[in-house]
Amino acid sequence: MIMDDRHKLRDFLADLLRHKGDVDGFADSDLLMTSGRLQSIDTLELVVFLEEKYGVDFAERGFNQNELDSVDNIMALIGAN
């Protein structure tokens, strides 16, 4: 299940990057937000994705961009749910 979630997440992030013309690969530990590869509008799409797919309630838990900066960080967030 966790590997399936990781693949879904990586596919979603790759699609976000592709829409920006960024087809370079990325490691699970790569910082995608702070590196500038993803922008604030991408963060909003990611938040909606995580709320819909994994029930993460950012209104309740608060928002920390660092939690969304890499696949590894997002997986830890999902696991904490």
Protein backbone atom coordinates (compact mmCIF):
# COMPACT_ATOMS: atom_id res chain seq x y z
CA MET A 1 0.00 0.00 0.00
CA ILE A 2 2.74 2.46 0.94
CA MET A 3 4.64 1.81 -2.30
CA ASP A 4 1.42 2.31 -4.24
CA ASP A 5 0.90 5.64 -2.43
CA ARG A 6 4.49 6.63 -3.21
CA HIS A 7 3.96 5.85 -6.91
CA LYS A 8 0.70 7.82 -7.02
CA LEU A 9 2.37 10.76 -5.34
CA ARG A 10 5.42 10.64 -7.63
CA ASP A 11 3.12 10.47 -10.69
CA PHE A 12 1.12 13.46 -9.44
CA LEU A 13 4.27 15.51 -8.80
CA ALA A 14 5.77 14.50 -12.16
CA ASP A 15 2.56 15.70 -13.87
CA LEU A 16 2.78 19.05 -12.06
CA LEU A 17 6.38 19.43 -13.19
CA ARG A 18 5.58 18.33 -16.76
CA HIS A 19 2.88 20.99 -17.05
CA LYS A 20 5.61 23.53 -16.34
CA GLY A 21 7.89 22.02 -18.99
CA ASP A 22 10.12 20.38 -16.35
CA VAL A 23 10.75 16.81 -17.46
CA ASP A 24 13.85 16.23 -15.33
CA GLY A 25 13.67 13.35 -12.92
CA PHE A 26 13.68 13.76 -9.16
CA ALA A 27 14.64 11.70 -6.14
CA ASP A 28 12.25 11.15 -3.25
CA SER A 29 14.45 13.41 -1.10
CA ASP A 30 14.69 16.28 -3.63
CA LEU A 31 13.25 19.57 -2.39
CA LEU A 32 10.77 20.58 -5.07
CA MET A 33 9.29 23.73 -3.52
CA THR A 34 12.31 25.43 -2.00
CA SER A 35 14.35 24.65 -5.11
CA GLY A 36 11.80 26.56 -7.18
CA ARG A 37 10.79 23.61 -9.35
CA LEU A 38 7.25 23.88 -7.97
CA GLN A 39 5.52 27.20 -7.25
CA SER A 40 2.76 28.28 -4.87
CA ILE A 41 0.01 27.41 -7.37
CA ASP A 42 1.47 23.90 -7.54
CA THR A 43 1.39 23.75 -3.74
CA LEU A 44 -2.34 24.49 -3.83
CA GLU A 45 -2.92 21.66 -6.30
CA LEU A 46 -0.88 19.35 -4.09
CA VAL A 47 -2.86 20.35 -1.00
CA VAL A 48 -6.15 19.59 -2.79
CA PHE A 49 -4.74 16.24 -3.98
CA LEU A 50 -3.69 15.28 -0.44
CA GLU A 51 -7.01 16.38 1.04
CA GLU A 52 -9.04 14.43 -1.52
CA LYS A 53 -6.91 11.27 -1.77
CA TYR A 54 -5.63 10.93 1.80
CA GLY A 55 -8.01 12.96 3.94
CA VAL A 56 -5.31 15.35 5.15
CA ASP A 57 -7.14 18.27 6.78
CA PHE A 58 -4.86 21.28 6.48
CA ALA A 59 -7.51 23.55 8.04
CA GLU A 60 -7.30 21.44 11.18
CA ARG A 61 -3.59 20.60 11.26
CA GLY A 62 -2.17 23.81 9.81
CA PHE A 63 0.07 24.25 6.82
CA ASN A 64 3.83 23.78 6.80
CA GLN A 65 5.46 24.04 3.37
CA ASN A 66 8.38 21.89 4.53
CA GLU A 67 5.99 18.95 4.89
CA LEU A 68 5.19 19.25 1.17
CA ASP A 69 8.70 19.89 -0.13
CA SER A 70 9.70 16.34 -1.05
CA VAL A 71 8.18 12.92 -1.66
CA ASP A 72 9.77 11.67 1.58
CA ASN A 73 8.27 14.53 3.60
CA ILE A 74 4.83 14.07 2.05
CA MET A 75 4.94 10.33 2.73
CA ALA A 76 5.73 11.08 6.38
CA LEU A 77 2.76 13.47 6.45
CA ILE A 78 0.43 10.86 4.98
CA GLY A 79 1.72 8.25 7.41
CA ALA A 80 1.07 10.62 10.30
CA ASN A 81 -2.57 10.79 9.34
